[in-house]
C-alpha atoms as a PDB file:
ATOM      1  CA  MET A   1      -4.042  86.739  39.439  1.00  0.00           C
ATOM      2  CA  LYS A   2      -6.027  84.847  41.694  1.00  0.00           C
ATOM      3  CA  THR A   3      -9.092  84.486  39.873  1.00  0.00           C
ATOM      4  CA  ARG A   4      -6.706  82.957  36.704  1.00  0.00           C
ATOM      5  CA  THR A   5      -5.529  80.705  39.067  1.00  0.00           C
ATOM      6  CA  LEU A   6      -8.977  79.499  40.374  1.00  0.00           C
ATOM      7  CA  GLY A   7      -9.958  78.994  36.816  1.00  0.00           C
ATOM      8  CA  TRP A   8      -6.747  76.881  35.955  1.00  0.00           C
ATOM      9  CA  LEU A   9      -7.744  74.849  39.246  1.00  0.00           C
ATOM     10  CA  LEU A  10     -11.485  75.047  38.038  1.00  0.00           C
ATOM     11  CA  ALA A  11     -10.790  73.749  34.185  1.00  0.00           C
ATOM     12  CA  ALA A  12      -8.724  71.063  36.036  1.00  0.00           C
ATOM     13  CA  GLY A  13     -10.811  69.353  38.295  1.00  0.00           C
ATOM     14  CA  LEU A  14     -13.493  69.153  35.670  1.00  0.00           C
ATOM     15  CA  LEU A  15     -10.843  67.496  32.960  1.00  0.00           C
ATOM     16  CA  LEU A  16      -9.971  64.937  35.581  1.00  0.00           C
ATOM     17  CA  SER A  17     -13.460  64.517  36.946  1.00  0.00           C
ATOM     18  CA  ALA A  18     -14.791  63.676  32.962  1.00  0.00           C
ATOM     19  CA  LEU A  19     -11.682  60.676  32.974  1.00  0.00           C
ATOM     20  CA  PRO A  20     -13.519  57.750  32.370  1.00  0.00           C
ATOM     21  CA  ALA A  21     -14.233  55.396  35.583  1.00  0.00           C
ATOM     22  CA  ASP A  22     -12.970  51.299  35.250  1.00  0.00           C
ATOM     23  CA  ALA A  23     -15.227  49.310  33.201  1.00  0.00           C
ATOM     24  CA  ARG A  24     -17.222  46.066  34.406  1.00  0.00           C
ATOM     25  CA  THR A  25     -16.711  43.001  32.644  1.00  0.00           C
ATOM     26  CA  CYS A  26     -19.852  40.766  31.855  1.00  0.00           C
ATOM     27  CA  ARG A  27     -20.008  37.100  31.184  1.00  0.00           C
ATOM     28  CA  GLY A  28     -18.023  36.242  28.070  1.00  0.00           C
ATOM     29  CA  GLY A  29     -15.317  38.690  28.740  1.00  0.00           C
ATOM     30  CA  ARG A  30     -17.193  41.608  27.187  1.00  0.00           C
ATOM     31  CA  ASN A  31     -16.103  45.400  28.529  1.00  0.00           C
ATOM     32  CA  THR A  32     -19.037  47.741  29.225  1.00  0.00           C
ATOM     33  CA  THR A  33     -17.338  50.785  27.823  1.00  0.00           C
ATOM     34  CA  PRO A  34     -17.730  49.911  24.105  1.00  0.00           C
ATOM     35  CA  ALA A  35     -21.462  48.740  25.186  1.00  0.00           C
ATOM     36  CA  ILE A  36     -22.554  51.665  26.307  1.00  0.00           C
ATOM     37  CA  MET A  37     -21.080  53.479  23.288  1.00  0.00           C
ATOM     38  CA  LEU A  38     -23.075  51.378  20.776  1.00  0.00           C
ATOM     39  CA  SER A  39     -26.133  51.623  22.982  1.00  0.00           C
ATOM     40  CA  VAL A  40     -25.403  56.023  23.163  1.00  0.00           C
ATOM     41  CA  ALA A  41     -24.839  54.662  19.114  1.00  0.00           C
ATOM     42  CA  HIS A  42     -28.737  53.483  19.105  1.00  0.00           C
ATOM     43  CA  PRO A  43     -30.735  51.568  21.187  1.00  0.00           C
ATOM     44  CA  GLY A  44     -29.760  48.005  21.566  1.00  0.00           C
ATOM     45  CA  LEU A  45     -26.644  47.893  20.074  1.00  0.00           C
ATOM     46  CA  GLY A  46     -24.857  47.664  23.247  1.00  0.00           C
ATOM     47  CA  GLU A  47     -26.940  44.458  24.146  1.00  0.00           C
ATOM     48  CA  TRP A  48     -26.366  43.304  20.967  1.00  0.00           C
ATOM     49  CA  TYR A  49     -22.891  43.309  21.267  1.00  0.00           C
ATOM     50  CA  LEU A  50     -22.571  41.990  24.934  1.00  0.00           C
ATOM     51  CA  LYS A  51     -24.282  38.941  23.727  1.00  0.00           C
ATOM     52  CA  GLY A  52     -21.277  38.274  21.769  1.00  0.00           C
ATOM     53  CA  SER A  53     -22.129  40.250  18.342  1.00  0.00           C
ATOM     54  CA  ARG A  54     -23.171  37.336  16.351  1.00  0.00           C
ATOM     55  CA  ASP A  55     -26.076  37.088  13.868  1.00  0.00           C
ATOM     56  CA  PHE A  56     -27.721  40.612  14.268  1.00  0.00           C
ATOM     57  CA  LEU A  57     -31.086  39.985  13.410  1.00  0.00           C
ATOM     58  CA  GLU A  58     -31.354  37.081  16.284  1.00  0.00           C
ATOM     59  CA  THR A  59     -29.292  39.027  18.917  1.00  0.00           C
ATOM     60  CA  VAL A  60     -30.966  42.117  19.176  1.00  0.00           C
ATOM     61  CA  PRO A  61     -32.967  43.089  21.402  1.00  0.00           C
ATOM     62  CA  PRO A  62     -36.035  43.613  19.370  1.00  0.00           C
ATOM     63  CA  ARG A  63     -38.320  46.618  21.151  1.00  0.00           C
ATOM     64  CA  LYS A  64     -35.593  48.351  22.134  1.00  0.00           C
ATOM     65  CA  PHE A  65     -33.510  48.435  18.521  1.00  0.00           C
ATOM     66  CA  TRP A  66     -36.739  49.041  16.528  1.00  0.00           C
ATOM     67  CA  LEU A  67     -38.553  51.676  18.873  1.00  0.00           C
ATOM     68  CA  GLY A  68     -35.071  53.326  18.674  1.00  0.00           C
ATOM     69  CA  PHE A  69     -36.075  54.869  15.309  1.00  0.00           C
ATOM     70  CA  ILE A  70     -39.085  57.150  16.757  1.00  0.00           C
ATOM     71  CA  PRO A  71     -37.625  60.625  17.267  1.00  0.00           C
ATOM     72  CA  PHE A  72     -37.110  61.803  20.806  1.00  0.00           C
ATOM     73  CA  PHE A  73     -38.265  58.007  22.597  1.00  0.00           C
ATOM     74  CA  GLY A  74     -35.410  55.805  20.673  1.00  0.00           C
ATOM     75  CA  TRP A  75     -33.098  58.158  19.429  1.00  0.00           C
ATOM     76  CA  PRO A  76     -32.336  60.743  20.641  1.00  0.00           C
ATOM     77  CA  GLY A  77     -34.182  60.063  23.997  1.00  0.00           C
ATOM     78  CA  TYR A  78     -35.633  57.381  26.540  1.00  0.00           C
ATOM     79  CA  LEU A  79     -34.826  54.365  25.344  1.00  0.00           C
ATOM     80  CA  GLN A  80     -31.327  55.704  24.232  1.00  0.00           C
ATOM     81  CA  VAL A  81     -30.555  56.309  28.426  1.00  0.00           C
ATOM     82  CA  ARG A  82     -31.913  52.899  29.317  1.00  0.00           C
ATOM     83  CA  SER A  83     -29.989  50.994  26.723  1.00  0.00           C
ATOM     84  CA  ALA A  84     -26.944  52.444  28.245  1.00  0.00           C
ATOM     85  CA  ILE A  85     -28.041  51.935  31.700  1.00  0.00           C
ATOM     86  CA  ASP A  86     -28.855  48.075  31.287  1.00  0.00           C
ATOM     87  CA  VAL A  87     -25.666  47.855  29.083  1.00  0.00           C
ATOM     88  CA  SER A  88     -23.606  49.398  31.888  1.00  0.00           C
ATOM     89  CA  GLN A  89     -25.031  47.158  34.238  1.00  0.00           C
ATOM     90  CA  CYS A  90     -24.320  43.892  32.530  1.00  0.00           C
ATOM     91  CA  ARG A  91     -27.961  43.379  31.191  1.00  0.00           C
ATOM     92  CA  VAL A  92     -29.108  42.080  28.286  1.00  0.00           C
ATOM     93  CA  ASN A  93     -32.802  42.433  28.519  1.00  0.00           C
ATOM     94  CA  ASP A  94     -35.605  43.738  26.040  1.00  0.00           C
ATOM     95  CA  ARG A  95     -37.390  45.958  28.968  1.00  0.00           C
ATOM     96  CA  ILE A  96     -38.298  49.206  27.712  1.00  0.00           C
ATOM     97  CA  PHE A  97     -39.753  50.675  31.153  1.00  0.00           C
END
């Protein structure tokens, strides 16, 4: 009985800790949560969203976006994480390293 209760408490703790934290609002009134999800989908898309979703080829960071097609460096990989970290801190640069 104690094991079952401990299991339920552990499961509840994991679920509560997985709830999203408060999202940051960047300049232009854009929220970071959708930007992070776009960066996870493909590097550079979150920055494009934070810049205002204007003309795609003019506002997407070119190095992050095009290098994002390289397997295990771009998606899934390093640039995907780099892009998500940048947009979570409201940065819209094209910094790779």
